mmCIF file of all heavy atoms, coordinates in Angstrom:
data_MODEL
# 
_entry.id   MODEL 
# 
loop_
_atom_site.group_PDB 
_atom_site.id 
_atom_site.type_symbol 
_atom_site.label_atom_id 
_atom_site.label_alt_id 
_atom_site.label_comp_id 
_atom_site.label_asym_id 
_atom_site.label_entity_id 
_atom_site.label_seq_id 
_atom_site.pdbx_PDB_ins_code 
_atom_site.Cartn_x 
_atom_site.Cartn_y 
_atom_site.Cartn_z 
_atom_site.occupancy 
_atom_site.B_iso_or_equiv 
_atom_site.pdbx_formal_charge 
_atom_site.auth_seq_id 
_atom_site.auth_comp_id 
_atom_site.auth_asym_id 
_atom_site.auth_atom_id 
_atom_site.pdbx_PDB_model_num 
ATOM 1   N N   . LEU A 1 1  ? -20.312 -10.218 9.881  1.00 0.00 ? 1  LEU A N   1 
ATOM 2   C CA  . LEU A 1 1  ? -20.586 -8.920  10.421 1.00 0.00 ? 1  LEU A CA  1 
ATOM 3   C C   . LEU A 1 1  ? -19.463 -7.876  9.983  1.00 0.00 ? 1  LEU A C   1 
ATOM 4   O O   . LEU A 1 1  ? -18.261 -8.282  9.940  1.00 0.00 ? 1  LEU A O   1 
ATOM 5   C CB  . LEU A 1 1  ? -20.673 -8.858  11.908 1.00 0.00 ? 1  LEU A CB  1 
ATOM 6   C CG  . LEU A 1 1  ? -21.745 -9.755  12.552 1.00 0.00 ? 1  LEU A CG  1 
ATOM 7   C CD1 . LEU A 1 1  ? -21.854 -9.559  14.058 1.00 0.00 ? 1  LEU A CD1 1 
ATOM 8   C CD2 . LEU A 1 1  ? -23.138 -9.390  11.906 1.00 0.00 ? 1  LEU A CD2 1 
ATOM 9   N N   . ARG A 1 2  ? -19.875 -6.699  9.695  1.00 0.00 ? 2  ARG A N   1 
ATOM 10  C CA  . ARG A 1 2  ? -18.937 -5.720  9.190  1.00 0.00 ? 2  ARG A CA  1 
ATOM 11  C C   . ARG A 1 2  ? -18.903 -4.435  10.065 1.00 0.00 ? 2  ARG A C   1 
ATOM 12  O O   . ARG A 1 2  ? -19.980 -3.889  10.356 1.00 0.00 ? 2  ARG A O   1 
ATOM 13  C CB  . ARG A 1 2  ? -19.277 -5.307  7.708  1.00 0.00 ? 2  ARG A CB  1 
ATOM 14  C CG  . ARG A 1 2  ? -19.291 -6.503  6.738  1.00 0.00 ? 2  ARG A CG  1 
ATOM 15  C CD  . ARG A 1 2  ? -19.740 -6.006  5.404  1.00 0.00 ? 2  ARG A CD  1 
ATOM 16  N NE  . ARG A 1 2  ? -19.861 -7.153  4.433  1.00 0.00 ? 2  ARG A NE  1 
ATOM 17  C CZ  . ARG A 1 2  ? -20.165 -7.100  3.187  1.00 0.00 ? 2  ARG A CZ  1 
ATOM 18  N NH1 . ARG A 1 2  ? -20.457 -5.832  2.711  1.00 0.00 ? 2  ARG A NH1 1 
ATOM 19  N NH2 . ARG A 1 2  ? -20.295 -8.116  2.394  1.00 0.00 ? 2  ARG A NH2 1 
ATOM 20  N N   . ALA A 1 3  ? -17.719 -4.027  10.426 1.00 0.00 ? 3  ALA A N   1 
ATOM 21  C CA  . ALA A 1 3  ? -17.680 -2.834  11.301 1.00 0.00 ? 3  ALA A CA  1 
ATOM 22  C C   . ALA A 1 3  ? -18.250 -1.589  10.675 1.00 0.00 ? 3  ALA A C   1 
ATOM 23  O O   . ALA A 1 3  ? -18.756 -0.784  11.419 1.00 0.00 ? 3  ALA A O   1 
ATOM 24  C CB  . ALA A 1 3  ? -16.145 -2.529  11.619 1.00 0.00 ? 3  ALA A CB  1 
ATOM 25  N N   . ILE A 1 4  ? -18.241 -1.512  9.365  1.00 0.00 ? 4  ILE A N   1 
ATOM 26  C CA  . ILE A 1 4  ? -18.829 -0.288  8.714  1.00 0.00 ? 4  ILE A CA  1 
ATOM 27  C C   . ILE A 1 4  ? -20.298 -0.069  9.048  1.00 0.00 ? 4  ILE A C   1 
ATOM 28  O O   . ILE A 1 4  ? -20.826 1.027   9.068  1.00 0.00 ? 4  ILE A O   1 
ATOM 29  C CB  . ILE A 1 4  ? -18.577 -0.356  7.183  1.00 0.00 ? 4  ILE A CB  1 
ATOM 30  C CG1 . ILE A 1 4  ? -18.819 0.951   6.571  1.00 0.00 ? 4  ILE A CG1 1 
ATOM 31  C CG2 . ILE A 1 4  ? -19.495 -1.444  6.552  1.00 0.00 ? 4  ILE A CG2 1 
ATOM 32  C CD1 . ILE A 1 4  ? -18.462 1.014   5.099  1.00 0.00 ? 4  ILE A CD1 1 
ATOM 33  N N   . ASP A 1 5  ? -20.937 -1.161  9.427  1.00 0.00 ? 5  ASP A N   1 
ATOM 34  C CA  . ASP A 1 5  ? -22.406 -1.131  9.766  1.00 0.00 ? 5  ASP A CA  1 
ATOM 35  C C   . ASP A 1 5  ? -22.683 -0.802  11.177 1.00 0.00 ? 5  ASP A C   1 
ATOM 36  O O   . ASP A 1 5  ? -23.857 -0.764  11.640 1.00 0.00 ? 5  ASP A O   1 
ATOM 37  C CB  . ASP A 1 5  ? -23.034 -2.426  9.369  1.00 0.00 ? 5  ASP A CB  1 
ATOM 38  C CG  . ASP A 1 5  ? -22.968 -2.704  7.862  1.00 0.00 ? 5  ASP A CG  1 
ATOM 39  O OD1 . ASP A 1 5  ? -23.049 -1.813  7.071  1.00 0.00 ? 5  ASP A OD1 1 
ATOM 40  O OD2 . ASP A 1 5  ? -22.822 -3.889  7.440  1.00 0.00 ? 5  ASP A OD2 1 
ATOM 41  N N   . MET A 1 6  ? -21.694 -0.669  12.033 1.00 0.00 ? 6  MET A N   1 
ATOM 42  C CA  . MET A 1 6  ? -21.875 -0.451  13.483 1.00 0.00 ? 6  MET A CA  1 
ATOM 43  C C   . MET A 1 6  ? -21.404 0.889   13.999 1.00 0.00 ? 6  MET A C   1 
ATOM 44  O O   . MET A 1 6  ? -21.782 1.346   15.090 1.00 0.00 ? 6  MET A O   1 
ATOM 45  C CB  . MET A 1 6  ? -21.160 -1.524  14.260 1.00 0.00 ? 6  MET A CB  1 
ATOM 46  C CG  . MET A 1 6  ? -19.712 -1.321  14.487 1.00 0.00 ? 6  MET A CG  1 
ATOM 47  S SD  . MET A 1 6  ? -18.910 -2.560  15.510 1.00 0.00 ? 6  MET A SD  1 
ATOM 48  C CE  . MET A 1 6  ? -17.294 -1.819  15.695 1.00 0.00 ? 6  MET A CE  1 
ATOM 49  N N   . ILE A 1 7  ? -20.610 1.571   13.202 1.00 0.00 ? 7  ILE A N   1 
ATOM 50  C CA  . ILE A 1 7  ? -19.877 2.748   13.670 1.00 0.00 ? 7  ILE A CA  1 
ATOM 51  C C   . ILE A 1 7  ? -20.702 4.018   13.410 1.00 0.00 ? 7  ILE A C   1 
ATOM 52  O O   . ILE A 1 7  ? -21.208 4.288   12.330 1.00 0.00 ? 7  ILE A O   1 
ATOM 53  C CB  . ILE A 1 7  ? -18.505 3.001   13.022 1.00 0.00 ? 7  ILE A CB  1 
ATOM 54  C CG1 . ILE A 1 7  ? -17.630 1.817   13.346 1.00 0.00 ? 7  ILE A CG1 1 
ATOM 55  C CG2 . ILE A 1 7  ? -17.844 4.239   13.487 1.00 0.00 ? 7  ILE A CG2 1 
ATOM 56  C CD1 . ILE A 1 7  ? -16.382 1.680   12.496 1.00 0.00 ? 7  ILE A CD1 1 
ATOM 57  N N   . ASN A 1 8  ? -20.952 4.869   14.471 1.00 0.00 ? 8  ASN A N   1 
ATOM 58  C CA  . ASN A 1 8  ? -21.514 6.227   14.331 1.00 0.00 ? 8  ASN A CA  1 
ATOM 59  C C   . ASN A 1 8  ? -20.454 7.214   14.249 1.00 0.00 ? 8  ASN A C   1 
ATOM 60  O O   . ASN A 1 8  ? -19.850 7.645   15.194 1.00 0.00 ? 8  ASN A O   1 
ATOM 61  C CB  . ASN A 1 8  ? -22.389 6.429   15.537 1.00 0.00 ? 8  ASN A CB  1 
ATOM 62  C CG  . ASN A 1 8  ? -23.104 7.860   15.432 1.00 0.00 ? 8  ASN A CG  1 
ATOM 63  O OD1 . ASN A 1 8  ? -23.004 8.499   14.366 1.00 0.00 ? 8  ASN A OD1 1 
ATOM 64  N ND2 . ASN A 1 8  ? -23.686 8.315   16.511 1.00 0.00 ? 8  ASN A ND2 1 
ATOM 65  N N   . PRO A 1 9  ? -20.244 7.674   12.976 1.00 0.00 ? 9  PRO A N   1 
ATOM 66  C CA  . PRO A 1 9  ? -19.135 8.728   12.784 1.00 0.00 ? 9  PRO A CA  1 
ATOM 67  C C   . PRO A 1 9  ? -19.426 10.076  13.387 1.00 0.00 ? 9  PRO A C   1 
ATOM 68  O O   . PRO A 1 9  ? -18.578 10.917  13.456 1.00 0.00 ? 9  PRO A O   1 
ATOM 69  C CB  . PRO A 1 9  ? -19.064 8.838   11.278 1.00 0.00 ? 9  PRO A CB  1 
ATOM 70  C CG  . PRO A 1 9  ? -20.365 8.448   10.743 1.00 0.00 ? 9  PRO A CG  1 
ATOM 71  C CD  . PRO A 1 9  ? -20.879 7.433   11.690 1.00 0.00 ? 9  PRO A CD  1 
ATOM 72  N N   . LEU A 1 10 ? -20.689 10.240  13.933 1.00 0.00 ? 10 LEU A N   1 
ATOM 73  C CA  . LEU A 1 10 ? -20.994 11.511  14.655 1.00 0.00 ? 10 LEU A CA  1 
ATOM 74  C C   . LEU A 1 10 ? -20.797 11.418  16.129 1.00 0.00 ? 10 LEU A C   1 
ATOM 75  O O   . LEU A 1 10 ? -21.048 12.339  16.861 1.00 0.00 ? 10 LEU A O   1 
ATOM 76  C CB  . LEU A 1 10 ? -22.472 11.914  14.345 1.00 0.00 ? 10 LEU A CB  1 
ATOM 77  C CG  . LEU A 1 10 ? -22.912 11.934  12.860 1.00 0.00 ? 10 LEU A CG  1 
ATOM 78  C CD1 . LEU A 1 10 ? -24.324 12.416  12.696 1.00 0.00 ? 10 LEU A CD1 1 
ATOM 79  C CD2 . LEU A 1 10 ? -21.915 12.902  12.103 1.00 0.00 ? 10 LEU A CD2 1 
ATOM 80  N N   . ASP A 1 11 ? -20.322 10.297  16.671 1.00 0.00 ? 11 ASP A N   1 
ATOM 81  C CA  . ASP A 1 11 ? -19.851 10.105  18.015 1.00 0.00 ? 11 ASP A CA  1 
ATOM 82  C C   . ASP A 1 11 ? -18.905 11.236  18.377 1.00 0.00 ? 11 ASP A C   1 
ATOM 83  O O   . ASP A 1 11 ? -17.890 11.407  17.667 1.00 0.00 ? 11 ASP A O   1 
ATOM 84  C CB  . ASP A 1 11 ? -19.341 8.796   18.280 1.00 0.00 ? 11 ASP A CB  1 
ATOM 85  C CG  . ASP A 1 11 ? -18.932 8.482   19.714 1.00 0.00 ? 11 ASP A CG  1 
ATOM 86  O OD1 . ASP A 1 11 ? -19.166 9.425   20.579 1.00 0.00 ? 11 ASP A OD1 1 
ATOM 87  O OD2 . ASP A 1 11 ? -18.346 7.423   19.949 1.00 0.00 ? 11 ASP A OD2 1 
ATOM 88  N N   . HIS A 1 12 ? -19.069 12.001  19.432 1.00 0.00 ? 12 HIS A N   1 
ATOM 89  C CA  . HIS A 1 12 ? -18.195 13.070  19.760 1.00 0.00 ? 12 HIS A CA  1 
ATOM 90  C C   . HIS A 1 12 ? -16.769 12.628  20.096 1.00 0.00 ? 12 HIS A C   1 
ATOM 91  O O   . HIS A 1 12 ? -15.797 13.470  20.136 1.00 0.00 ? 12 HIS A O   1 
ATOM 92  C CB  . HIS A 1 12 ? -18.811 13.927  20.890 1.00 0.00 ? 12 HIS A CB  1 
ATOM 93  C CG  . HIS A 1 12 ? -18.609 13.283  22.241 1.00 0.00 ? 12 HIS A CG  1 
ATOM 94  N ND1 . HIS A 1 12 ? -17.668 13.701  23.096 1.00 0.00 ? 12 HIS A ND1 1 
ATOM 95  C CD2 . HIS A 1 12 ? -19.262 12.368  22.901 1.00 0.00 ? 12 HIS A CD2 1 
ATOM 96  C CE1 . HIS A 1 12 ? -17.729 13.017  24.180 1.00 0.00 ? 12 HIS A CE1 1 
ATOM 97  N NE2 . HIS A 1 12 ? -18.727 12.172  24.120 1.00 0.00 ? 12 HIS A NE2 1 
ATOM 98  N N   . CYS A 1 13 ? -16.565 11.320  20.350 1.00 0.00 ? 13 CYS A N   1 
ATOM 99  C CA  . CYS A 1 13 ? -15.217 10.839  20.618 1.00 0.00 ? 13 CYS A CA  1 
ATOM 100 C C   . CYS A 1 13 ? -14.298 11.035  19.506 1.00 0.00 ? 13 CYS A C   1 
ATOM 101 O O   . CYS A 1 13 ? -13.058 11.093  19.611 1.00 0.00 ? 13 CYS A O   1 
ATOM 102 C CB  . CYS A 1 13 ? -15.297 9.387   21.077 1.00 0.00 ? 13 CYS A CB  1 
ATOM 103 S SG  . CYS A 1 13 ? -16.086 9.124   22.704 1.00 0.00 ? 13 CYS A SG  1 
ATOM 104 N N   . PHE A 1 14 ? -14.849 11.081  18.235 1.00 0.00 ? 14 PHE A N   1 
ATOM 105 C CA  . PHE A 1 14 ? -13.978 11.408  17.096 1.00 0.00 ? 14 PHE A CA  1 
ATOM 106 C C   . PHE A 1 14 ? -13.344 12.747  17.175 1.00 0.00 ? 14 PHE A C   1 
ATOM 107 O O   . PHE A 1 14 ? -12.251 12.984  16.736 1.00 0.00 ? 14 PHE A O   1 
ATOM 108 C CB  . PHE A 1 14 ? -14.816 11.247  15.797 1.00 0.00 ? 14 PHE A CB  1 
ATOM 109 C CG  . PHE A 1 14 ? -15.023 9.794   15.435 1.00 0.00 ? 14 PHE A CG  1 
ATOM 110 C CD1 . PHE A 1 14 ? -16.331 9.220   15.613 1.00 0.00 ? 14 PHE A CD1 1 
ATOM 111 C CD2 . PHE A 1 14 ? -14.055 9.019   14.898 1.00 0.00 ? 14 PHE A CD2 1 
ATOM 112 C CE1 . PHE A 1 14 ? -16.560 7.920   15.215 1.00 0.00 ? 14 PHE A CE1 1 
ATOM 113 C CE2 . PHE A 1 14 ? -14.298 7.707   14.503 1.00 0.00 ? 14 PHE A CE2 1 
ATOM 114 C CZ  . PHE A 1 14 ? -15.567 7.194   14.669 1.00 0.00 ? 14 PHE A CZ  1 
ATOM 115 N N   . GLU A 1 15 ? -14.116 13.710  17.719 1.00 0.00 ? 15 GLU A N   1 
ATOM 116 C CA  . GLU A 1 15 ? -13.606 15.084  17.910 1.00 0.00 ? 15 GLU A CA  1 
ATOM 117 C C   . GLU A 1 15 ? -12.442 15.039  18.920 1.00 0.00 ? 15 GLU A C   1 
ATOM 118 O O   . GLU A 1 15 ? -11.384 15.694  18.740 1.00 0.00 ? 15 GLU A O   1 
ATOM 119 C CB  . GLU A 1 15 ? -14.694 16.006  18.407 1.00 0.00 ? 15 GLU A CB  1 
ATOM 120 C CG  . GLU A 1 15 ? -15.801 16.188  17.328 1.00 0.00 ? 15 GLU A CG  1 
ATOM 121 C CD  . GLU A 1 15 ? -16.812 17.205  17.878 1.00 0.00 ? 15 GLU A CD  1 
ATOM 122 O OE1 . GLU A 1 15 ? -16.571 17.852  18.882 1.00 0.00 ? 15 GLU A OE1 1 
ATOM 123 O OE2 . GLU A 1 15 ? -17.939 17.191  17.288 1.00 0.00 ? 15 GLU A OE2 1 
ATOM 124 N N   . GLU A 1 16 ? -12.601 14.238  20.028 1.00 0.00 ? 16 GLU A N   1 
ATOM 125 C CA  . GLU A 1 16 ? -11.531 14.148  20.972 1.00 0.00 ? 16 GLU A CA  1 
ATOM 126 C C   . GLU A 1 16 ? -10.262 13.512  20.327 1.00 0.00 ? 16 GLU A C   1 
ATOM 127 O O   . GLU A 1 16 ? -9.161  13.870  20.705 1.00 0.00 ? 16 GLU A O   1 
ATOM 128 C CB  . GLU A 1 16 ? -12.041 13.278  22.173 1.00 0.00 ? 16 GLU A CB  1 
ATOM 129 C CG  . GLU A 1 16 ? -13.145 14.028  22.883 1.00 0.00 ? 16 GLU A CG  1 
ATOM 130 C CD  . GLU A 1 16 ? -13.602 13.119  24.113 1.00 0.00 ? 16 GLU A CD  1 
ATOM 131 O OE1 . GLU A 1 16 ? -13.429 11.910  24.114 1.00 0.00 ? 16 GLU A OE1 1 
ATOM 132 O OE2 . GLU A 1 16 ? -14.284 13.662  24.954 1.00 0.00 ? 16 GLU A OE2 1 
ATOM 133 N N   . ALA A 1 17 ? -10.473 12.585  19.491 1.00 0.00 ? 17 ALA A N   1 
ATOM 134 C CA  . ALA A 1 17 ? -9.302  11.970  18.767 1.00 0.00 ? 17 ALA A CA  1 
ATOM 135 C C   . ALA A 1 17 ? -8.569  13.016  18.010 1.00 0.00 ? 17 ALA A C   1 
ATOM 136 O O   . ALA A 1 17 ? -7.342  13.037  18.073 1.00 0.00 ? 17 ALA A O   1 
ATOM 137 C CB  . ALA A 1 17 ? -9.827  10.822  17.923 1.00 0.00 ? 17 ALA A CB  1 
ATOM 138 N N   . ALA A 1 18 ? -9.258  13.831  17.235 1.00 0.00 ? 18 ALA A N   1 
ATOM 139 C CA  . ALA A 1 18 ? -8.628  14.861  16.403 1.00 0.00 ? 18 ALA A CA  1 
ATOM 140 C C   . ALA A 1 18 ? -7.909  15.848  17.335 1.00 0.00 ? 18 ALA A C   1 
ATOM 141 O O   . ALA A 1 18 ? -6.808  16.338  17.043 1.00 0.00 ? 18 ALA A O   1 
ATOM 142 C CB  . ALA A 1 18 ? -9.588  15.587  15.604 1.00 0.00 ? 18 ALA A CB  1 
ATOM 143 N N   . GLN A 1 19 ? -8.486  16.161  18.549 1.00 0.00 ? 19 GLN A N   1 
ATOM 144 C CA  . GLN A 1 19 ? -7.895  17.084  19.449 1.00 0.00 ? 19 GLN A CA  1 
ATOM 145 C C   . GLN A 1 19 ? -6.433  16.499  19.887 1.00 0.00 ? 19 GLN A C   1 
ATOM 146 O O   . GLN A 1 19 ? -5.541  17.326  20.094 1.00 0.00 ? 19 GLN A O   1 
ATOM 147 C CB  . GLN A 1 19 ? -8.771  17.169  20.686 1.00 0.00 ? 19 GLN A CB  1 
ATOM 148 C CG  . GLN A 1 19 ? -8.146  18.061  21.835 1.00 0.00 ? 19 GLN A CG  1 
ATOM 149 C CD  . GLN A 1 19 ? -8.969  18.081  23.065 1.00 0.00 ? 19 GLN A CD  1 
ATOM 150 O OE1 . GLN A 1 19 ? -10.033 17.421  23.107 1.00 0.00 ? 19 GLN A OE1 1 
ATOM 151 N NE2 . GLN A 1 19 ? -8.553  18.805  24.052 1.00 0.00 ? 19 GLN A NE2 1 
ATOM 152 N N   . ALA A 1 20 ? -6.393  15.265  20.028 1.00 0.00 ? 20 ALA A N   1 
ATOM 153 C CA  . ALA A 1 20 ? -5.055  14.632  20.512 1.00 0.00 ? 20 ALA A CA  1 
ATOM 154 C C   . ALA A 1 20 ? -4.159  14.323  19.379 1.00 0.00 ? 20 ALA A C   1 
ATOM 155 O O   . ALA A 1 20 ? -3.138  13.674  19.569 1.00 0.00 ? 20 ALA A O   1 
ATOM 156 C CB  . ALA A 1 20 ? -5.397  13.379  21.343 1.00 0.00 ? 20 ALA A CB  1 
ATOM 157 N N   . GLY A 1 21 ? -4.521  14.678  18.097 1.00 0.00 ? 21 GLY A N   1 
ATOM 158 C CA  . GLY A 1 21 ? -3.683  14.361  16.946 1.00 0.00 ? 21 GLY A CA  1 
ATOM 159 C C   . GLY A 1 21 ? -3.865  12.989  16.372 1.00 0.00 ? 21 GLY A C   1 
ATOM 160 O O   . GLY A 1 21 ? -3.110  12.595  15.480 1.00 0.00 ? 21 GLY A O   1 
ATOM 161 N N   . VAL A 1 22 ? -4.902  12.241  16.782 1.00 0.00 ? 22 VAL A N   1 
ATOM 162 C CA  . VAL A 1 22 ? -5.188  10.977  16.251 1.00 0.00 ? 22 VAL A CA  1 
ATOM 163 C C   . VAL A 1 22 ? -6.075  11.127  15.040 1.00 0.00 ? 22 VAL A C   1 
ATOM 164 O O   . VAL A 1 22 ? -7.255  11.527  15.087 1.00 0.00 ? 22 VAL A O   1 
ATOM 165 C CB  . VAL A 1 22 ? -5.882  10.040  17.281 1.00 0.00 ? 22 VAL A CB  1 
ATOM 166 C CG1 . VAL A 1 22 ? -6.169  8.641   16.641 1.00 0.00 ? 22 VAL A CG1 1 
ATOM 167 C CG2 . VAL A 1 22 ? -5.097  9.880   18.528 1.00 0.00 ? 22 VAL A CG2 1 
ATOM 168 N N   . THR A 1 23 ? -5.490  10.884  13.792 1.00 0.00 ? 23 THR A N   1 
ATOM 169 C CA  . THR A 1 23 ? -6.178  11.114  12.619 1.00 0.00 ? 23 THR A CA  1 
ATOM 170 C C   . THR A 1 23 ? -6.632  9.823   11.924 1.00 0.00 ? 23 THR A C   1 
ATOM 171 O O   . THR A 1 23 ? -7.582  9.939   11.024 1.00 0.00 ? 23 THR A O   1 
ATOM 172 C CB  . THR A 1 23 ? -5.288  11.819  11.591 1.00 0.00 ? 23 THR A CB  1 
ATOM 173 O OG1 . THR A 1 23 ? -4.034  11.166  11.443 1.00 0.00 ? 23 THR A OG1 1 
ATOM 174 C CG2 . THR A 1 23 ? -4.966  13.300  12.168 1.00 0.00 ? 23 THR A CG2 1 
ATOM 175 N N   . SER A 1 24 ? -6.191  8.701   12.236 1.00 0.00 ? 24 SER A N   1 
ATOM 176 C CA  . SER A 1 24 ? -6.521  7.424   11.565 1.00 0.00 ? 24 SER A CA  1 
ATOM 177 C C   . SER A 1 24 ? -6.743  6.375   12.753 1.00 0.00 ? 24 SER A C   1 
ATOM 178 O O   . SER A 1 24 ? -5.978  6.334   13.674 1.00 0.00 ? 24 SER A O   1 
ATOM 179 C CB  . SER A 1 24 ? -5.536  6.964   10.598 1.00 0.00 ? 24 SER A CB  1 
ATOM 180 O OG  . SER A 1 24 ? -5.318  7.900   9.616  1.00 0.00 ? 24 SER A OG  1 
ATOM 181 N N   . VAL A 1 25 ? -7.850  5.563   12.527 1.00 0.00 ? 25 VAL A N   1 
ATOM 182 C CA  . VAL A 1 25 ? -8.046  4.520   13.539 1.00 0.00 ? 25 VAL A CA  1 
ATOM 183 C C   . VAL A 1 25 ? -8.451  3.225   12.819 1.00 0.00 ? 25 VAL A C   1 
ATOM 184 O O   . VAL A 1 25 ? -9.085  3.297   11.701 1.00 0.00 ? 25 VAL A O   1 
ATOM 185 C CB  . VAL A 1 25 ? -9.180  4.846   14.527 1.00 0.00 ? 25 VAL A CB  1 
ATOM 186 C CG1 . VAL A 1 25 ? -8.768  5.971   15.503 1.00 0.00 ? 25 VAL A CG1 1 
ATOM 187 C CG2 . VAL A 1 25 ? -10.485 5.263   13.788 1.00 0.00 ? 25 VAL A CG2 1 
ATOM 188 N N   . VAL A 1 26 ? -8.073  2.067   13.368 1.00 0.00 ? 26 VAL A N   1 
ATOM 189 C CA  . VAL A 1 26 ? -8.546  0.785   12.922 1.00 0.00 ? 26 VAL A CA  1 
ATOM 190 C C   . VAL A 1 26 ? -9.670  0.341   13.942 1.00 0.00 ? 26 VAL A C   1 
ATOM 191 O O   . VAL A 1 26 ? -9.360  0.313   15.131 1.00 0.00 ? 26 VAL A O   1 
ATOM 192 C CB  . VAL A 1 26 ? -7.436  -0.277  12.821 1.00 0.00 ? 26 VAL A CB  1 
ATOM 193 C CG1 . VAL A 1 26 ? -7.999  -1.676  12.445 1.00 0.00 ? 26 VAL A CG1 1 
ATOM 194 C CG2 . VAL A 1 26 ? -6.389  0.190   11.812 1.00 0.00 ? 26 VAL A CG2 1 
ATOM 195 N N   . CYS A 1 27 ? -10.855 0.122   13.429 1.00 0.00 ? 27 CYS A N   1 
ATOM 196 C CA  . CYS A 1 27 ? -11.951 0.019   14.293 1.00 0.00 ? 27 CYS A CA  1 
ATOM 197 C C   . CYS A 1 27 ? -12.776 -1.330  13.961 1.00 0.00 ? 27 CYS A C   1 
ATOM 198 O O   . CYS A 1 27 ? -12.889 -1.655  12.777 1.00 0.00 ? 27 CYS A O   1 
ATOM 199 C CB  . CYS A 1 27 ? -12.874 1.187   14.218 1.00 0.00 ? 27 CYS A CB  1 
ATOM 200 S SG  . CYS A 1 27 ? -14.265 1.224   15.276 1.00 0.00 ? 27 CYS A SG  1 
ATOM 201 N N   . GLY A 1 28 ? -13.323 -1.939  14.982 1.00 0.00 ? 28 GLY A N   1 
ATOM 202 C CA  . GLY A 1 28 ? -14.246 -3.032  14.793 1.00 0.00 ? 28 GLY A CA  1 
ATOM 203 C C   . GLY A 1 28 ? -14.918 -3.493  16.017 1.00 0.00 ? 28 GLY A C   1 
ATOM 204 O O   . GLY A 1 28 ? -14.971 -2.729  17.020 1.00 0.00 ? 28 GLY A O   1 
# 
């Protein structure tokens, strides 16, 4: 299984991450 096939990059939590200065994440 690959994380690239499960992540929705349109999830609004990515916006919250940018708000807090988080620019890179390791995800799986």
